[in-house]
Amino acid sequence: MIWPLRWRTPRAAINVGVRRESRGDVAGARRAFRQAIDSDSHHGTPAGLWWMGNLSRETGQHDEARSFFQRAVDSRHEAWAPRAATEIADMLVAQGKTSTARRYYLTAIAYDTPSNAGAVWAQRARARLDAMLDQAGR
């Protein structure tokens, strides 16, 4: 598949970031994800925000991770916003903040439309919300 020209640079930056992260080069991954964020691309910026949030979470920087994920949610990108909302909700559940987590799961669920690339994350959010509510006794 050939990516549209507007996607090539941010997409390449994300690919570099993922490779660097897998090799343990956290600083290099951050630089690459930052390049995607700074691309001002409809797809690249929220994707870079999600990847930076994921990297921050994996390195134990949970407040920073939540900030990056929140910016991805705020982008309202059809694929990355529900994914980021689900990530925030999962983090909140782990902290025992279920009422706030519920709001983020509902944000992700709102993206569940057949033509939406983020529908899989909306469905995952629905399943996780149901599980959280079942555990709490609804």
C-alpha atoms as a PDB file:
ATOM      1  CA  MET A   1       0.000   0.000   0.000  1.00  0.00           C
ATOM      2  CA  ILE A   2       1.280   3.442  -0.849  1.00  0.00           C
ATOM      3  CA  TRP A   3       0.488   6.010   1.802  1.00  0.00           C
ATOM      4  CA  PRO A   4      -0.747   9.449   0.755  1.00  0.00           C
ATOM      5  CA  LEU A   5       2.035  12.040   0.637  1.00  0.00           C
ATOM      6  CA  ARG A   6       0.706  13.886   3.703  1.00  0.00           C
ATOM      7  CA  TRP A   7       1.076  10.653   5.720  1.00  0.00           C
ATOM      8  CA  ARG A   8       4.546   9.577   4.661  1.00  0.00           C
ATOM      9  CA  THR A   9       6.625  11.757   6.942  1.00  0.00           C
ATOM     10  CA  PRO A  10       4.597  11.272  10.164  1.00  0.00           C
ATOM     11  CA  ARG A  11       4.083   7.592   9.358  1.00  0.00           C
ATOM     12  CA  ALA A  12       7.813   7.147   8.786  1.00  0.00           C
ATOM     13  CA  ALA A  13       8.559   8.973  12.046  1.00  0.00           C
ATOM     14  CA  ILE A  14       6.209   6.671  13.939  1.00  0.00           C
ATOM     15  CA  ASN A  15       7.783   3.605  12.351  1.00  0.00           C
ATOM     16  CA  VAL A  16      11.230   4.847  13.378  1.00  0.00           C
ATOM     17  CA  GLY A  17       9.937   5.527  16.890  1.00  0.00           C
ATOM     18  CA  VAL A  18       8.472   2.055  17.228  1.00  0.00           C
ATOM     19  CA  ARG A  19      11.746   0.471  16.051  1.00  0.00           C
ATOM     20  CA  ARG A  20      13.797   2.594  18.413  1.00  0.00           C
ATOM     21  CA  GLU A  21      11.495   1.825  21.317  1.00  0.00           C
ATOM     22  CA  SER A  22      11.763  -1.901  20.617  1.00  0.00           C
ATOM     23  CA  ARG A  23      15.570  -1.553  20.775  1.00  0.00           C
ATOM     24  CA  GLY A  24      15.426   0.278  24.100  1.00  0.00           C
ATOM     25  CA  ASP A  25      16.257   3.704  22.657  1.00  0.00           C
ATOM     26  CA  VAL A  26      13.619   5.665  24.566  1.00  0.00           C
ATOM     27  CA  ALA A  27      15.149   9.065  23.771  1.00  0.00           C
ATOM     28  CA  GLY A  28      15.263   8.245  20.049  1.00  0.00           C
ATOM     29  CA  ALA A  29      11.672   7.001  20.138  1.00  0.00           C
ATOM     30  CA  ARG A  30      10.563  10.212  21.834  1.00  0.00           C
ATOM     31  CA  ARG A  31      12.268  12.318  19.152  1.00  0.00           C
ATOM     32  CA  ALA A  32      10.592  10.325  16.392  1.00  0.00           C
ATOM     33  CA  PHE A  33       7.132  10.459  17.988  1.00  0.00           C
ATOM     34  CA  ARG A  34       7.603  14.191  18.605  1.00  0.00           C
ATOM     35  CA  GLN A  35       8.284  14.627  14.873  1.00  0.00           C
ATOM     36  CA  ALA A  36       4.932  12.966  14.109  1.00  0.00           C
ATOM     37  CA  ILE A  37       3.182  15.153  16.693  1.00  0.00           C
ATOM     38  CA  ASP A  38       4.747  18.297  15.265  1.00  0.00           C
ATOM     39  CA  SER A  39       3.779  17.335  11.694  1.00  0.00           C
ATOM     40  CA  ASP A  40       0.400  19.070  12.040  1.00  0.00           C
ATOM     41  CA  SER A  41      -1.041  16.166  10.077  1.00  0.00           C
ATOM     42  CA  HIS A  42      -4.662  15.104  10.540  1.00  0.00           C
ATOM     43  CA  HIS A  43      -3.541  11.500  11.052  1.00  0.00           C
ATOM     44  CA  GLY A  44       0.086  11.872  12.108  1.00  0.00           C
ATOM     45  CA  THR A  45      -0.371  14.208  15.050  1.00  0.00           C
ATOM     46  CA  PRO A  46      -2.932  12.119  16.987  1.00  0.00           C
ATOM     47  CA  ALA A  47      -1.041   8.930  16.105  1.00  0.00           C
ATOM     48  CA  GLY A  48       2.162  10.470  17.459  1.00  0.00           C
ATOM     49  CA  LEU A  49       0.315  11.572  20.593  1.00  0.00           C
ATOM     50  CA  TRP A  50      -0.967   8.035  21.181  1.00  0.00           C
ATOM     51  CA  TRP A  51       2.465   6.487  20.639  1.00  0.00           C
ATOM     52  CA  MET A  52       4.093   9.052  22.937  1.00  0.00           C
ATOM     53  CA  GLY A  53       1.448   8.339  25.567  1.00  0.00           C
ATOM     54  CA  ASN A  54       2.061   4.635  25.229  1.00  0.00           C
ATOM     55  CA  LEU A  55       5.830   5.110  25.597  1.00  0.00           C
ATOM     56  CA  SER A  56       5.334   7.363  28.624  1.00  0.00           C
ATOM     57  CA  ARG A  57       3.071   4.811  30.284  1.00  0.00           C
ATOM     58  CA  GLU A  58       5.526   1.999  29.606  1.00  0.00           C
ATOM     59  CA  THR A  59       8.338   4.018  31.192  1.00  0.00           C
ATOM     60  CA  GLY A  60       6.244   4.697  34.304  1.00  0.00           C
ATOM     61  CA  GLN A  61       5.393   8.319  33.552  1.00  0.00           C
ATOM     62  CA  HIS A  62       1.653   7.940  34.003  1.00  0.00           C
ATOM     63  CA  ASP A  63       0.752  11.634  34.333  1.00  0.00           C
ATOM     64  CA  GLU A  64       2.637  12.420  31.148  1.00  0.00           C
ATOM     65  CA  ALA A  65       1.001   9.447  29.427  1.00  0.00           C
ATOM     66  CA  ARG A  66      -2.437  10.655  30.392  1.00  0.00           C
ATOM     67  CA  SER A  67      -1.629  14.121  29.059  1.00  0.00           C
ATOM     68  CA  PHE A  68      -0.593  12.752  25.656  1.00  0.00           C
ATOM     69  CA  PHE A  69      -3.598  10.425  25.520  1.00  0.00           C
ATOM     70  CA  GLN A  70      -5.893  13.339  26.453  1.00  0.00           C
ATOM     71  CA  ARG A  71      -4.529  15.425  23.598  1.00  0.00           C
ATOM     72  CA  ALA A  72      -5.248  12.516  21.242  1.00  0.00           C
ATOM     73  CA  VAL A  73      -8.813  12.328  22.601  1.00  0.00           C
ATOM     74  CA  ASP A  74      -9.173  16.089  22.139  1.00  0.00           C
ATOM     75  CA  SER A  75      -8.142  15.721  18.482  1.00  0.00           C
ATOM     76  CA  ARG A  76     -11.420  13.872  17.849  1.00  0.00           C
ATOM     77  CA  HIS A  77      -9.605  11.767  15.279  1.00  0.00           C
ATOM     78  CA  GLU A  78     -11.884   8.903  14.282  1.00  0.00           C
ATOM     79  CA  ALA A  79      -9.280   6.185  14.964  1.00  0.00           C
ATOM     80  CA  TRP A  80      -6.902   7.604  17.574  1.00  0.00           C
ATOM     81  CA  ALA A  81      -9.390   9.378  19.887  1.00  0.00           C
ATOM     82  CA  PRO A  82     -11.302   6.234  20.911  1.00  0.00           C
ATOM     83  CA  ARG A  83      -8.040   4.323  21.314  1.00  0.00           C
ATOM     84  CA  ALA A  84      -6.628   7.044  23.575  1.00  0.00           C
ATOM     85  CA  ALA A  85      -9.881   7.334  25.549  1.00  0.00           C
ATOM     86  CA  THR A  86      -9.797   3.592  26.180  1.00  0.00           C
ATOM     87  CA  GLU A  87      -6.182   3.832  27.362  1.00  0.00           C
ATOM     88  CA  ILE A  88      -7.032   6.623  29.803  1.00  0.00           C
ATOM     89  CA  ALA A  89     -10.022   4.669  31.101  1.00  0.00           C
ATOM     90  CA  ASP A  90      -7.857   1.574  31.620  1.00  0.00           C
ATOM     91  CA  MET A  91      -5.341   3.638  33.577  1.00  0.00           C
ATOM     92  CA  LEU A  92      -8.130   5.100  35.717  1.00  0.00           C
ATOM     93  CA  VAL A  93      -9.602   1.670  36.441  1.00  0.00           C
ATOM     94  CA  ALA A  94      -6.174   0.534  37.648  1.00  0.00           C
ATOM     95  CA  GLN A  95      -6.207   3.515  40.029  1.00  0.00           C
ATOM     96  CA  GLY A  96      -9.723   2.685  41.255  1.00  0.00           C
ATOM     97  CA  LYS A  97     -11.264   5.798  39.669  1.00  0.00           C
ATOM     98  CA  THR A  98     -14.151   3.979  38.041  1.00  0.00           C
ATOM     99  CA  SER A  99     -16.597   6.880  37.678  1.00  0.00           C
ATOM    100  CA  THR A 100     -14.079   8.891  35.660  1.00  0.00           C
ATOM    101  CA  ALA A 101     -13.067   5.761  33.750  1.00  0.00           C
ATOM    102  CA  ARG A 102     -16.717   5.239  32.843  1.00  0.00           C
ATOM    103  CA  ARG A 103     -16.832   8.678  31.188  1.00  0.00           C
ATOM    104  CA  TYR A 104     -13.764   7.871  29.082  1.00  0.00           C
ATOM    105  CA  TYR A 105     -15.147   4.477  28.076  1.00  0.00           C
ATOM    106  CA  LEU A 106     -18.365   6.223  26.996  1.00  0.00           C
ATOM    107  CA  THR A 107     -16.311   8.725  25.001  1.00  0.00           C
ATOM    108  CA  ALA A 108     -14.654   5.844  23.149  1.00  0.00           C
ATOM    109  CA  ILE A 109     -17.955   4.015  22.654  1.00  0.00           C
ATOM    110  CA  ALA A 110     -19.371   7.082  20.897  1.00  0.00           C
ATOM    111  CA  TYR A 111     -17.016   6.309  17.992  1.00  0.00           C
ATOM    112  CA  ASP A 112     -18.676   2.949  17.308  1.00  0.00           C
ATOM    113  CA  THR A 113     -19.957   3.402  13.781  1.00  0.00           C
ATOM    114  CA  PRO A 114     -19.533   0.849  10.975  1.00  0.00           C
ATOM    115  CA  SER A 115     -17.448   3.130   8.774  1.00  0.00           C
ATOM    116  CA  ASN A 116     -15.127   4.283  11.549  1.00  0.00           C
ATOM    117  CA  ALA A 117     -11.548   3.022  11.756  1.00  0.00           C
ATOM    118  CA  GLY A 118     -11.735   3.391  15.536  1.00  0.00           C
ATOM    119  CA  ALA A 119     -14.789   1.170  15.925  1.00  0.00           C
ATOM    120  CA  VAL A 120     -12.700  -1.742  17.190  1.00  0.00           C
ATOM    121  CA  TRP A 121     -11.532   0.446  20.076  1.00  0.00           C
ATOM    122  CA  ALA A 122     -15.088   1.576  20.728  1.00  0.00           C
ATOM    123  CA  GLN A 123     -16.162  -2.059  20.946  1.00  0.00           C
ATOM    124  CA  ARG A 124     -13.226  -2.873  23.212  1.00  0.00           C
ATOM    125  CA  ALA A 125     -14.224   0.046  25.442  1.00  0.00           C
ATOM    126  CA  ARG A 126     -17.794  -1.285  25.595  1.00  0.00           C
ATOM    127  CA  ALA A 127     -16.544  -4.715  26.675  1.00  0.00           C
ATOM    128  CA  ARG A 128     -14.253  -3.231  29.311  1.00  0.00           C
ATOM    129  CA  LEU A 129     -16.995  -0.950  30.632  1.00  0.00           C
ATOM    130  CA  ASP A 130     -19.360  -3.909  30.890  1.00  0.00           C
ATOM    131  CA  ALA A 131     -16.700  -5.912  32.733  1.00  0.00           C
ATOM    132  CA  MET A 132     -16.002  -3.010  35.096  1.00  0.00           C
ATOM    133  CA  LEU A 133     -19.723  -2.596  35.827  1.00  0.00           C
ATOM    134  CA  ASP A 134     -20.186  -6.346  36.324  1.00  0.00           C
ATOM    135  CA  GLN A 135     -17.304  -6.401  38.775  1.00  0.00           C
ATOM    136  CA  ALA A 136     -18.855  -3.493  40.661  1.00  0.00           C
ATOM    137  CA  GLY A 137     -22.220  -5.275  40.742  1.00  0.00           C
ATOM    138  CA  ARG A 138     -23.700  -2.816  38.238  1.00  0.00           C
END
